[in-house]
Amino acid sequence: MMNIKKPELVAPAGDLEKLKTAILYGADSVYIGGKEFGLRKYAGNFDFDEMKEGIDFAHKYGKKVYLTANIFARNEDIRKIDEFFDIIKDFEFDGIIVSDPGIFMKAKKLGIPIHISTQANTTNYESARFWHQLGAKRIVLARELSLDEIKEIRENIPESLELEAFVHGAVCISYSGRCFLSAYMTYRDANRGECAHPCRYKYYVMEEKRPGQYFEVFEDVDGTYIFNSKDLCMVEHIDKLVFAGIDAFKIEGRMKSSFYVATVVSVYRKAIDKFIKDPEHFEPEQEWLEEIAKCSHRSYTTNFYFGKPGANDYRFDSSKYVREYEFVGIVKEVLNDGWAVVEQRNRFFKGDTVEVMLPNGTYFVQRLDRIYDLEGNPLDVVPHAQQLTKIKFDRPVVEFAMLRKKVQS
């Protein structure tokens, strides 16, 4: 049997609920951000008490937590980062993700493993060696690399230097996320965590010296979407990722829902486990794509892994998400005799048929015939955001089980 190192599954955690969801649904590690210095300023993010709670929760399950501090720092950030690091230095993070050399040098004082962010756009083995010689443990590779390029990097770096790569989620139009459109158009700097996603805007393109002559792209009455990449999905290619020498598979999505995190993590968990069981005869399952399609997504692409993306890797007609199912509730507490407290996430009705996702990767179908408020009054509809209800289930549920309902066409 082949001697294969099991890849680490790294999941996004935009807040404490998503961290717990990722861990329970099969992630090996999560990456989180504080209120400053990360590239997802508009995610919920973590205050210091939440960081401690999240680390304790993950470590209880033998999982890891990485802190993102991967902005491109300005002088004001450098002046503040020492105070931030001084507070978190004893939090028992398992690693810190940085891209800025100045922050890197300060992070070394923490004495924890340093991962180089994809923002640093490491695209060759000499750059990887450079970071390793400075003390980095892991490189999160640039998203613009092919499998062949990654394999060559792996063959020309020390075995102790780990490689991580994004395998699923939204794709940035700019090189390794270094985008200036947002700052220019909205004064929100993508490289400081404030991206307004102008690549998803509607555009008409016209050459400056040829007024009225439009660039030939598909258009509708609202414009066109020439920067609008499809989402990355590599779940069918787990074997190729491992054989290229990637040690850790990263899922994008700190601003996505807990439902997204649960769905994507559970599918990749199944795929990785199947591959490890029999690497030489790995075959993807259609069920994985069907399951992963149940969370909000754009059409899928393999991005640069098998060559430079072409026209088929972009959506020129729309920037809308595909939403076949909607997240309607999450189990907050399990009661006696099949009852559970469910927190509403989207409106649902008595008589609705839902799928109940469980952290073990299975689900069952449930008709919602018995719904009550916490005072025991029967409900025909649950319309209020985060409304707590009591629901009777036919089969056992657990905390963090999720209810999803097929969207009516």
Foldseek 3Di string as FASTA:
>chain_A
DDDFAQFFEEEEALFLLLLLLLLLLAHQEYEFEDCFQALANPRNGDHPVSLLVSQVSQVVSPHAYEYENAFQDDPVCLVCVLVVCVSCLPSPHQEYEYAYVSVVVVVVVSVHAYEYALLNADQALVVLQVVVVVPHQEYAHWQQDALQSLLRSCVRHDPRRAYEYEAWWADALDGSQCDCPQCVPPVQHSSGNRRPPCLQPFDWDDDPVGPPDTDDDDADPRHWRVSAFFIGHCLQPPLSNRVSRHRYYYYDDSRFDSVLSSQLSNLSSVSSVQCVVPVVDRGDDPVSVVSNLQGWGGDYDNDDHHHHDDPVRGDTYHNGTRHFKDWFWFFAADDPDQKTKIWGAAKDFQQAWWWKAASNSDIDIWHFNFKAAPVRHTGGMDHDHRGIIMTGGPDDHDGGTTIMHGDDD
